Amino acid sequence: MALRKPQMVLLDVDGTLVDTAPDLAYSIDCMLQEIGLPERGEEKVRTWIGNGIEQLVKCALTDGINGERENGLYEIAYPIFLNIYTVNACKRSRVYPGVEEGLNYLKENDFKLGCVTNKRKQFTEMVLKTLGIFNDFGIVIAGDTLPRKKPDPMPLLHAAEFFSVKPEAALMVGDSRNDVSAARAAGFQIVCVSYGYSPGEDIRCANPDAVVDSLAELPVLLNT
């Protein structure tokens, strides 16, 4: 389906622009080794990405059973994870196929571009700069930029205000229910990618306005 042509497009990072799971899984498993717990592996870690690294660490400590019941290990494990991930945030991460084509299309057609992620600022900037796409965005809003993060609409509305764009003229592109919920609450259109970190379900079940297999499909979707 064709969407209304937006003035502004916001894109998520993990699972949408960049496959960050290999670096996150490596860092999680190294952390677990250091505190004497078994590794979880990349397949499991992929299902825990999207709610910030604090929740990711909690899921890793409990093997995803209950992210709040980690027997006091979180205070020990979290700084260990930060130290490991700081030097491994973008050693194995790669942009997904079609991202370069999608971003080039958006830039060439003068869309206002922003990045909205639940990832912490220091890691967001490290990943985007290492992969050479940081300067593609007029604004980058990370998980610790504002008091609230996705699925709260605050980051999306902040970006709209920054660009002086009305919500109905804005589009969010993401991979998870957090992205859909934030977009709906903000009054944005929402497109999801089929390949991201949407644990245990087809992202179509979240009822985004459209689903694409690659950001290279954006020109057809936006009908320009």
Protein backbone atom coordinates (compact mmCIF):
# COMPACT_ATOMS: atom_id res chain seq x y z
CA MET A 1 0.00 0.00 0.00
CA ALA A 2 1.10 3.58 -0.60
CA LEU A 3 1.29 5.88 2.39
CA ARG A 4 0.84 9.62 2.64
CA LYS A 5 4.13 11.21 1.71
CA PRO A 6 5.62 12.45 5.00
CA GLN A 7 7.79 15.49 5.58
CA MET A 8 9.81 13.74 8.28
CA VAL A 9 10.99 10.14 8.65
CA LEU A 10 12.32 8.76 11.93
CA LEU A 11 14.19 5.46 12.01
CA ASP A 12 14.97 3.03 14.80
CA VAL A 13 18.52 1.59 15.12
CA ASP A 14 18.65 -1.96 16.52
CA GLY A 15 16.78 -4.32 14.22
CA THR A 16 15.90 -1.62 11.68
CA LEU A 17 19.07 0.12 10.49
CA VAL A 18 21.69 -2.08 12.12
CA ASP A 19 21.98 -5.72 13.14
CA THR A 20 23.57 -5.12 16.54
CA ALA A 21 22.74 -8.55 17.97
CA PRO A 22 26.19 -10.11 17.38
CA ASP A 23 27.94 -7.47 19.50
CA LEU A 24 25.24 -7.47 22.17
CA ALA A 25 25.29 -11.26 22.41
CA TYR A 26 29.08 -11.37 22.59
CA SER A 27 29.11 -8.80 25.40
CA ILE A 28 26.28 -10.51 27.30
CA ASP A 29 28.00 -13.89 27.14
CA CYS A 30 31.33 -12.42 28.26
CA MET A 31 29.54 -10.79 31.19
CA LEU A 32 27.87 -14.06 32.14
CA GLN A 33 31.17 -15.92 31.97
CA GLU A 34 32.74 -13.39 34.31
CA ILE A 35 30.05 -13.85 36.99
CA GLY A 36 29.87 -17.62 36.62
CA LEU A 37 26.59 -18.04 34.72
CA PRO A 38 26.09 -20.02 31.49
CA GLU A 39 26.15 -18.23 28.14
CA ARG A 40 22.78 -17.55 26.54
CA GLY A 41 23.83 -17.34 22.89
CA GLU A 42 22.90 -14.97 20.10
CA GLU A 43 19.58 -16.64 19.26
CA LYS A 44 18.18 -15.91 22.71
CA VAL A 45 19.73 -12.46 22.98
CA ARG A 46 18.00 -11.44 19.75
CA THR A 47 14.62 -11.98 21.44
CA TRP A 48 15.54 -9.65 24.33
CA ILE A 49 16.69 -6.60 22.34
CA GLY A 50 14.60 -3.45 22.10
CA ASN A 51 13.87 -2.27 25.64
CA GLY A 52 17.28 -0.86 26.49
CA ILE A 53 20.42 -2.55 27.78
CA GLU A 54 19.27 -2.47 31.40
CA GLN A 55 16.39 -4.82 30.58
CA LEU A 56 18.64 -6.87 28.28
CA VAL A 57 21.04 -7.54 31.16
CA LYS A 58 18.16 -8.51 33.46
CA CYS A 59 16.81 -10.95 30.88
CA ALA A 60 20.27 -12.46 30.45
CA LEU A 61 20.68 -12.97 34.18
CA THR A 62 17.39 -14.86 34.44
CA ASP A 63 17.49 -16.52 31.01
CA GLY A 64 14.42 -14.47 30.12
CA ILE A 65 12.17 -16.08 32.73
CA ASN A 66 11.57 -12.93 34.77
CA GLY A 67 13.70 -9.87 34.16
CA GLU A 68 13.11 -8.55 37.67
CA ARG A 69 14.15 -11.62 39.65
CA GLU A 70 17.92 -11.73 39.30
CA ASN A 71 18.85 -12.28 42.97
CA GLY A 72 20.79 -9.04 43.34
CA LEU A 73 23.24 -9.89 40.53
CA TYR A 74 22.19 -6.94 38.40
CA GLU A 75 24.21 -4.42 40.39
CA ILE A 76 27.31 -6.56 39.84
CA ALA A 77 26.65 -7.60 36.27
CA TYR A 78 25.51 -4.29 34.72
CA PRO A 79 28.82 -2.39 35.07
CA ILE A 80 30.67 -5.46 33.79
CA PHE A 81 28.45 -5.47 30.71
CA LEU A 82 29.01 -1.75 30.15
CA ASN A 83 32.77 -2.16 30.26
CA ILE A 84 32.69 -5.04 27.77
CA TYR A 85 30.15 -3.49 25.41
CA THR A 86 31.97 -0.15 25.38
CA VAL A 87 34.84 -1.77 23.45
CA ASN A 88 32.59 -4.11 21.45
CA ALA A 89 29.60 -1.97 20.47
CA CYS A 90 30.38 -2.02 16.75
CA LYS A 91 32.91 -4.73 16.02
CA ARG A 92 30.43 -7.21 14.55
CA SER A 93 27.39 -5.01 13.87
CA ARG A 94 26.44 -4.26 10.26
CA VAL A 95 23.79 -2.24 8.46
CA TYR A 96 21.08 -4.41 6.96
CA PRO A 97 20.84 -4.94 3.20
CA GLY A 98 18.84 -2.10 1.65
CA VAL A 99 19.67 0.47 4.34
CA GLU A 100 22.13 2.37 2.16
CA GLU A 101 19.64 2.51 -0.70
CA GLY A 102 16.82 3.57 1.61
CA LEU A 103 18.80 6.34 3.27
CA ASN A 104 20.09 7.62 -0.06
CA TYR A 105 16.51 7.84 -1.35
CA LEU A 106 15.34 9.72 1.73
CA LYS A 107 18.25 12.18 1.57
CA GLU A 108 17.96 12.76 -2.18
CA ASN A 109 14.26 13.57 -1.78
CA ASP A 110 14.83 16.05 1.07
CA PHE A 111 12.94 14.27 3.82
CA LYS A 112 13.77 15.53 7.30
CA LEU A 113 15.57 12.57 8.89
CA GLY A 114 15.88 11.60 12.51
CA CYS A 115 16.93 8.58 14.49
CA VAL A 116 14.93 7.47 17.55
CA THR A 117 16.18 4.51 19.56
CA ASN A 118 16.02 3.07 23.08
CA LYS A 119 19.77 2.47 22.92
CA ARG A 120 21.93 4.65 25.20
CA LYS A 121 23.42 7.75 23.60
CA GLN A 122 27.07 6.71 23.93
CA PHE A 123 26.43 3.41 22.14
CA THR A 124 24.02 4.86 19.59
CA GLU A 125 26.55 7.45 18.47
CA MET A 126 29.37 4.91 18.48
CA VAL A 127 27.45 2.53 16.21
CA LEU A 128 26.14 5.19 13.82
CA LYS A 129 29.52 6.93 13.52
CA THR A 130 31.46 3.69 13.05
CA LEU A 131 29.10 2.61 10.28
CA GLY A 132 29.26 6.05 8.64
CA ILE A 133 25.57 7.01 8.88
CA PHE A 134 25.50 9.36 11.89
CA ASN A 135 25.58 12.50 9.75
CA ASP A 136 22.59 11.31 7.72
CA PHE A 137 20.33 12.40 10.59
CA GLY A 138 19.34 15.90 11.61
CA ILE A 139 18.57 14.67 15.12
CA VAL A 140 19.46 11.54 17.07
CA ILE A 141 17.32 10.77 20.11
CA ALA A 142 18.61 7.94 22.27
CA GLY A 143 17.07 6.05 25.16
CA ASP A 144 18.63 8.38 27.72
CA THR A 145 18.12 11.67 25.85
CA LEU A 146 14.69 12.39 27.35
CA PRO A 147 12.84 11.40 30.55
CA ARG A 148 10.82 8.77 28.65
CA LYS A 149 11.57 6.44 25.75
CA LYS A 150 9.58 4.28 23.34
CA PRO A 151 6.84 3.03 23.60
CA ASP A 152 6.12 6.46 25.07
CA PRO A 153 5.51 8.97 22.26
CA MET A 154 7.75 11.64 23.83
CA PRO A 155 10.84 10.98 21.66
CA LEU A 156 8.81 11.04 18.45
CA LEU A 157 6.98 14.22 19.37
CA HIS A 158 10.27 15.82 20.41
CA ALA A 159 11.68 15.13 16.95
CA ALA A 160 8.56 16.51 15.29
CA GLU A 161 8.85 19.70 17.31
CA PHE A 162 12.56 19.94 16.48
CA PHE A 163 11.78 19.82 12.75
CA SER A 164 8.56 21.88 13.06
CA VAL A 165 6.57 19.02 11.54
CA LYS A 166 3.03 18.07 12.51
CA PRO A 167 2.54 14.45 13.66
CA GLU A 168 0.25 13.67 10.74
CA ALA A 169 3.12 14.60 8.41
CA ALA A 170 5.55 12.23 10.11
CA LEU A 171 6.54 8.60 9.63
CA MET A 172 8.25 6.20 12.04
CA VAL A 173 10.16 3.20 10.67
CA GLY A 174 10.93 0.45 13.16
CA ASP A 175 10.85 -3.25 13.89
CA SER A 176 8.92 -3.75 17.13
CA ARG A 177 5.68 -3.23 19.03
CA ASN A 178 7.44 -0.41 20.90
CA ASP A 179 7.78 1.44 17.60
CA VAL A 180 4.15 0.79 16.65
CA SER A 181 2.85 1.87 20.07
CA ALA A 182 4.95 5.03 20.12
CA ALA A 183 3.91 5.98 16.59
CA ARG A 184 0.21 5.41 17.25
CA ALA A 185 0.34 7.45 20.45
CA ALA A 186 2.17 10.26 18.66
CA GLY A 187 -0.19 10.30 15.66
CA PHE A 188 2.51 9.19 13.20
CA GLN A 189 2.28 6.74 10.35
CA ILE A 190 4.26 3.59 11.11
CA VAL A 191 6.15 1.21 8.82
CA CYS A 192 7.87 -1.88 10.18
CA VAL A 193 10.61 -4.03 8.73
CA SER A 194 10.06 -7.78 8.62
CA TYR A 195 13.59 -8.75 9.64
CA GLY A 196 14.05 -7.06 13.03
CA TYR A 197 13.92 -8.05 16.68
CA SER A 198 10.25 -8.85 17.21
CA PRO A 199 10.39 -11.82 19.59
CA GLY A 200 8.02 -14.68 18.98
CA GLU A 201 5.66 -12.99 16.57
CA ASP A 202 5.23 -11.68 13.06
CA ILE A 203 5.39 -7.88 13.34
CA ARG A 204 2.30 -7.74 11.13
CA CYS A 205 0.34 -8.82 14.22
CA ALA A 206 1.07 -5.37 15.69
CA ASN A 207 -0.87 -3.80 12.79
CA PRO A 208 1.60 -1.24 11.42
CA ASP A 209 0.50 0.70 8.35
CA ALA A 210 2.88 -1.32 6.19
CA VAL A 211 5.65 -3.91 6.42
CA VAL A 212 8.72 -3.97 4.16
CA ASP A 213 11.44 -6.56 3.72
CA SER A 214 14.04 -3.88 2.98
CA LEU A 215 14.37 -0.12 3.31
CA ALA A 216 15.09 -0.15 -0.41
CA GLU A 217 11.30 -0.55 -0.81
CA LEU A 218 10.59 2.91 0.62
CA PRO A 219 10.39 4.70 -2.79
CA VAL A 220 7.53 2.45 -3.90
CA LEU A 221 5.83 2.55 -0.52
CA LEU A 222 5.91 6.34 -0.35
CA ASN A 223 4.88 6.60 -3.99
CA THR A 224 7.43 9.23 -4.99
